[in-house]
N, C-alpha and C. Protein backbone atom coordinates (compact mmCIF):
# COMPACT_ATOMS: atom_id res chain seq x y z
N MET A 1 46.19 109.26 88.88
CA MET A 1 47.35 108.44 89.19
C MET A 1 47.04 107.00 88.79
N THR A 2 47.92 106.40 88.04
CA THR A 2 47.70 105.02 87.62
C THR A 2 47.99 104.08 88.77
N LYS A 3 47.53 102.85 88.59
CA LYS A 3 47.72 101.86 89.65
C LYS A 3 49.21 101.58 89.89
N LYS A 4 49.99 101.56 88.81
CA LYS A 4 51.43 101.31 88.92
C LYS A 4 52.10 102.42 89.73
N ASN A 5 51.74 103.67 89.46
CA ASN A 5 52.33 104.79 90.20
C ASN A 5 51.88 104.80 91.66
N ALA A 6 50.66 104.34 91.91
CA ALA A 6 50.17 104.29 93.29
C ALA A 6 51.00 103.31 94.12
N TYR A 7 51.33 102.17 93.54
CA TYR A 7 52.17 101.20 94.26
C TYR A 7 53.57 101.74 94.45
N ARG A 8 54.08 102.40 93.44
CA ARG A 8 55.44 102.92 93.51
C ARG A 8 55.57 103.97 94.60
N SER A 9 54.58 104.85 94.72
CA SER A 9 54.67 105.91 95.74
C SER A 9 54.31 105.40 97.13
N ALA A 10 53.81 104.16 97.22
CA ALA A 10 53.45 103.61 98.53
C ALA A 10 54.65 103.06 99.29
N ALA A 11 55.81 102.98 98.65
CA ALA A 11 57.00 102.47 99.33
C ALA A 11 57.37 103.42 100.46
N ALA A 12 57.45 102.88 101.64
CA ALA A 12 57.71 103.71 102.82
C ALA A 12 59.20 103.92 103.01
N ARG A 13 59.53 105.09 103.47
CA ARG A 13 60.91 105.36 103.85
C ARG A 13 61.16 104.73 105.21
N LEU A 14 62.41 104.36 105.45
CA LEU A 14 62.80 103.76 106.73
C LEU A 14 63.41 104.83 107.62
N HIS A 15 63.22 104.70 108.91
CA HIS A 15 63.86 105.61 109.86
C HIS A 15 65.27 105.08 110.12
N ARG A 16 66.26 105.81 109.65
CA ARG A 16 67.65 105.33 109.69
C ARG A 16 68.15 105.06 111.10
N MET A 17 67.80 105.91 112.05
CA MET A 17 68.33 105.73 113.41
C MET A 17 67.70 104.51 114.09
N THR A 18 66.44 104.23 113.79
CA THR A 18 65.81 103.03 114.34
C THR A 18 66.47 101.79 113.77
N LEU A 19 66.73 101.81 112.47
CA LEU A 19 67.41 100.69 111.83
C LEU A 19 68.83 100.54 112.37
N CYS A 20 69.48 101.66 112.61
CA CYS A 20 70.83 101.66 113.18
C CYS A 20 70.83 100.99 114.55
N LEU A 21 69.90 101.36 115.41
CA LEU A 21 69.81 100.79 116.74
C LEU A 21 69.46 99.30 116.69
N THR A 22 68.55 98.93 115.82
CA THR A 22 68.14 97.52 115.69
C THR A 22 69.31 96.65 115.24
N PHE A 23 70.00 97.07 114.20
CA PHE A 23 71.16 96.32 113.71
C PHE A 23 72.24 96.24 114.78
N ALA A 24 72.45 97.34 115.51
CA ALA A 24 73.49 97.37 116.55
C ALA A 24 73.18 96.35 117.64
N ILE A 25 71.95 96.32 118.11
CA ILE A 25 71.57 95.39 119.18
C ILE A 25 71.68 93.95 118.71
N ILE A 26 71.17 93.66 117.53
CA ILE A 26 71.18 92.28 117.02
C ILE A 26 72.61 91.79 116.79
N THR A 27 73.44 92.61 116.17
CA THR A 27 74.82 92.20 115.88
C THR A 27 75.64 92.05 117.17
N GLY A 28 75.52 93.02 118.07
CA GLY A 28 76.26 92.95 119.33
C GLY A 28 75.85 91.75 120.17
N LEU A 29 74.55 91.53 120.31
CA LEU A 29 74.08 90.39 121.08
C LEU A 29 74.46 89.06 120.45
N SER A 30 74.48 89.01 119.12
CA SER A 30 74.86 87.76 118.44
C SER A 30 76.28 87.36 118.79
N ILE A 31 77.20 88.31 118.70
CA ILE A 31 78.60 88.01 119.03
C ILE A 31 78.73 87.63 120.50
N PHE A 32 78.05 88.38 121.37
CA PHE A 32 78.11 88.09 122.81
C PHE A 32 77.57 86.69 123.11
N LEU A 33 76.40 86.36 122.55
CA LEU A 33 75.78 85.07 122.84
C LEU A 33 76.57 83.89 122.29
N VAL A 34 77.09 84.02 121.08
CA VAL A 34 77.89 82.93 120.51
C VAL A 34 79.13 82.67 121.38
N THR A 35 79.78 83.74 121.82
CA THR A 35 80.95 83.59 122.68
C THR A 35 80.56 82.97 124.02
N ALA A 36 79.46 83.46 124.61
CA ALA A 36 79.02 82.95 125.91
C ALA A 36 78.66 81.47 125.82
N ILE A 37 77.99 81.07 124.76
CA ILE A 37 77.61 79.66 124.59
C ILE A 37 78.85 78.78 124.51
N LEU A 38 79.84 79.22 123.76
CA LEU A 38 81.08 78.44 123.67
C LEU A 38 81.79 78.36 125.02
N LEU A 39 81.79 79.45 125.77
CA LEU A 39 82.45 79.43 127.08
C LEU A 39 81.72 78.52 128.06
N LEU A 40 80.39 78.54 128.03
CA LEU A 40 79.63 77.67 128.92
C LEU A 40 79.75 76.20 128.52
N LYS A 41 79.88 75.96 127.22
CA LYS A 41 80.04 74.59 126.72
C LYS A 41 81.37 74.01 127.19
N GLY A 42 82.40 74.85 127.15
CA GLY A 42 83.72 74.44 127.64
C GLY A 42 84.42 73.46 126.72
N GLY A 43 85.34 72.70 127.27
CA GLY A 43 86.14 71.76 126.50
C GLY A 43 87.59 72.15 126.55
N GLU A 44 88.44 71.33 125.91
CA GLU A 44 89.87 71.64 125.98
C GLU A 44 90.28 72.73 125.01
N SER A 45 89.61 72.85 123.88
CA SER A 45 89.90 73.92 122.93
C SER A 45 88.60 74.67 122.64
N VAL A 46 88.44 75.81 123.28
CA VAL A 46 87.19 76.55 123.18
C VAL A 46 87.25 77.55 122.03
N GLY A 47 86.45 77.32 121.01
CA GLY A 47 86.24 78.27 119.92
C GLY A 47 87.44 78.71 119.13
N PRO A 48 88.25 77.79 118.55
CA PRO A 48 89.41 78.25 117.79
C PRO A 48 89.01 79.05 116.53
N HIS A 49 87.90 78.70 115.93
CA HIS A 49 87.47 79.44 114.74
C HIS A 49 86.92 80.81 115.11
N LEU A 50 86.18 80.88 116.20
CA LEU A 50 85.63 82.16 116.65
C LEU A 50 86.74 83.10 117.09
N ALA A 51 87.84 82.55 117.57
CA ALA A 51 88.97 83.38 118.00
C ALA A 51 89.56 84.18 116.84
N LEU A 52 89.32 83.73 115.62
CA LEU A 52 89.81 84.47 114.45
C LEU A 52 89.16 85.84 114.32
N LEU A 53 88.02 86.06 114.97
CA LEU A 53 87.42 87.40 114.97
C LEU A 53 88.35 88.44 115.56
N GLY A 54 89.28 88.00 116.40
CA GLY A 54 90.26 88.90 116.98
C GLY A 54 91.14 89.56 115.93
N GLN A 55 91.23 88.96 114.75
CA GLN A 55 91.99 89.56 113.65
C GLN A 55 91.30 90.81 113.11
N PHE A 56 89.97 90.84 113.21
CA PHE A 56 89.19 91.95 112.67
C PHE A 56 88.65 92.89 113.75
N LEU A 57 88.49 92.36 114.95
CA LEU A 57 87.96 93.14 116.06
C LEU A 57 89.03 93.24 117.15
N PRO A 58 89.81 94.30 117.17
CA PRO A 58 90.90 94.42 118.15
C PRO A 58 90.39 94.26 119.59
N GLY A 59 91.07 93.42 120.35
CA GLY A 59 90.73 93.20 121.74
C GLY A 59 89.80 92.02 121.97
N TYR A 60 89.25 91.45 120.88
CA TYR A 60 88.32 90.34 121.03
C TYR A 60 89.08 89.03 121.27
N THR A 61 88.66 88.28 122.27
CA THR A 61 89.15 86.93 122.53
C THR A 61 87.95 86.09 122.94
N VAL A 62 88.11 84.78 122.93
CA VAL A 62 87.03 83.90 123.38
C VAL A 62 87.14 83.80 124.90
N SER A 63 86.63 84.84 125.56
CA SER A 63 86.61 84.92 127.03
C SER A 63 85.42 85.80 127.40
N TRP A 64 85.14 85.89 128.71
CA TRP A 64 84.03 86.72 129.14
C TRP A 64 84.32 88.20 128.85
N THR A 65 85.54 88.62 129.05
CA THR A 65 85.90 90.00 128.71
C THR A 65 85.82 90.20 127.20
N GLY A 66 86.28 89.21 126.47
CA GLY A 66 86.21 89.28 125.01
C GLY A 66 84.79 89.32 124.48
N SER A 67 83.87 88.66 125.20
CA SER A 67 82.47 88.70 124.76
C SER A 67 81.90 90.11 124.89
N LEU A 68 82.33 90.85 125.92
CA LEU A 68 81.89 92.24 126.06
C LEU A 68 82.53 93.14 125.01
N VAL A 69 83.80 92.89 124.72
CA VAL A 69 84.47 93.63 123.65
C VAL A 69 83.80 93.32 122.31
N GLY A 70 83.45 92.06 122.09
CA GLY A 70 82.76 91.67 120.87
C GLY A 70 81.39 92.31 120.76
N PHE A 71 80.70 92.44 121.90
CA PHE A 71 79.40 93.11 121.90
C PHE A 71 79.56 94.56 121.46
N ILE A 72 80.56 95.24 122.00
CA ILE A 72 80.77 96.65 121.66
C ILE A 72 81.11 96.80 120.18
N TRP A 73 82.05 95.97 119.69
CA TRP A 73 82.40 96.03 118.28
C TRP A 73 81.21 95.67 117.39
N GLY A 74 80.48 94.64 117.77
CA GLY A 74 79.31 94.23 116.99
C GLY A 74 78.26 95.33 116.94
N ALA A 75 78.03 95.98 118.08
CA ALA A 75 77.06 97.07 118.12
C ALA A 75 77.51 98.24 117.26
N PHE A 76 78.78 98.56 117.33
CA PHE A 76 79.32 99.66 116.52
C PHE A 76 79.19 99.36 115.02
N LEU A 77 79.68 98.20 114.61
CA LEU A 77 79.64 97.85 113.19
C LEU A 77 78.21 97.61 112.70
N GLY A 78 77.39 96.98 113.54
CA GLY A 78 75.99 96.77 113.17
C GLY A 78 75.25 98.09 113.02
N GLY A 79 75.54 99.05 113.89
CA GLY A 79 74.92 100.37 113.78
C GLY A 79 75.28 101.07 112.49
N ILE A 80 76.55 100.97 112.11
CA ILE A 80 76.98 101.56 110.84
C ILE A 80 76.27 100.88 109.67
N MET A 81 76.19 99.55 109.71
CA MET A 81 75.51 98.82 108.63
C MET A 81 74.04 99.22 108.54
N GLY A 82 73.36 99.32 109.67
CA GLY A 82 71.95 99.71 109.68
C GLY A 82 71.74 101.10 109.14
N PHE A 83 72.60 102.04 109.54
CA PHE A 83 72.48 103.41 109.06
C PHE A 83 72.71 103.48 107.55
N LEU A 84 73.74 102.79 107.07
CA LEU A 84 74.02 102.80 105.63
C LEU A 84 72.91 102.13 104.84
N PHE A 85 72.40 101.00 105.34
CA PHE A 85 71.31 100.32 104.66
C PHE A 85 70.08 101.22 104.56
N GLY A 86 69.73 101.88 105.66
CA GLY A 86 68.59 102.79 105.66
C GLY A 86 68.79 103.97 104.72
N SER A 87 70.01 104.50 104.68
CA SER A 87 70.30 105.63 103.80
C SER A 87 70.17 105.24 102.34
N VAL A 88 70.74 104.10 101.98
CA VAL A 88 70.67 103.65 100.58
C VAL A 88 69.22 103.33 100.21
N TYR A 89 68.51 102.64 101.09
CA TYR A 89 67.12 102.28 100.81
C TYR A 89 66.27 103.54 100.61
N ASN A 90 66.42 104.52 101.50
CA ASN A 90 65.65 105.75 101.37
C ASN A 90 65.99 106.50 100.09
N ARG A 91 67.25 106.48 99.71
CA ARG A 91 67.66 107.14 98.46
C ARG A 91 67.01 106.47 97.26
N VAL A 92 66.97 105.14 97.26
CA VAL A 92 66.33 104.41 96.16
C VAL A 92 64.84 104.72 96.11
N VAL A 93 64.18 104.76 97.27
CA VAL A 93 62.75 105.10 97.32
C VAL A 93 62.53 106.51 96.77
N ASP A 94 63.39 107.45 97.16
CA ASP A 94 63.26 108.82 96.66
C ASP A 94 63.44 108.88 95.15
N LEU A 95 64.41 108.17 94.63
CA LEU A 95 64.64 108.16 93.19
C LEU A 95 63.47 107.54 92.44
N ARG A 96 62.91 106.45 92.97
CA ARG A 96 61.78 105.81 92.31
C ARG A 96 60.52 106.66 92.35
N ASN A 97 60.37 107.46 93.42
CA ASN A 97 59.21 108.32 93.54
C ASN A 97 59.39 109.65 92.81
N GLY A 98 60.58 109.87 92.31
CA GLY A 98 60.85 111.10 91.56
C GLY A 98 61.04 112.33 92.42
N SER A 99 61.32 112.15 93.70
CA SER A 99 61.56 113.29 94.57
C SER A 99 63.04 113.45 94.84
N LYS A 100 63.42 114.65 95.26
CA LYS A 100 64.83 114.98 95.58
C LYS A 100 65.65 114.85 94.36
C-alpha cells in the first residue's frame, strides 16, 4: 500500500446519529439562548429581527413560550442537518476508499 493510499483509507466514517444529536442540541440551544438573552435584556422593542424567524418556524415568537418552540424547531432542523451531513460525508469517504 502506498503512502497516498494509506492516508486515503485512514479517513474515518462519522456516526450519523451522534452527529444528528449534536447538531440538534447545538441548534436548539442556540435559538433558545438568543431568544432568552433578548428577553432578559428587555427594552421597548424586543428582537424585531429575530421575530422574523416566525416566518420560517411556525409558532415561534420572541417570548418565553416562543423560545421553547424555537428550541424544538431548532433541534428538529439541526438533527436533519446533522444526519444529512453525516450521510454525505460517509458516502464521500466510501467513494474515495473504493468501497460500496
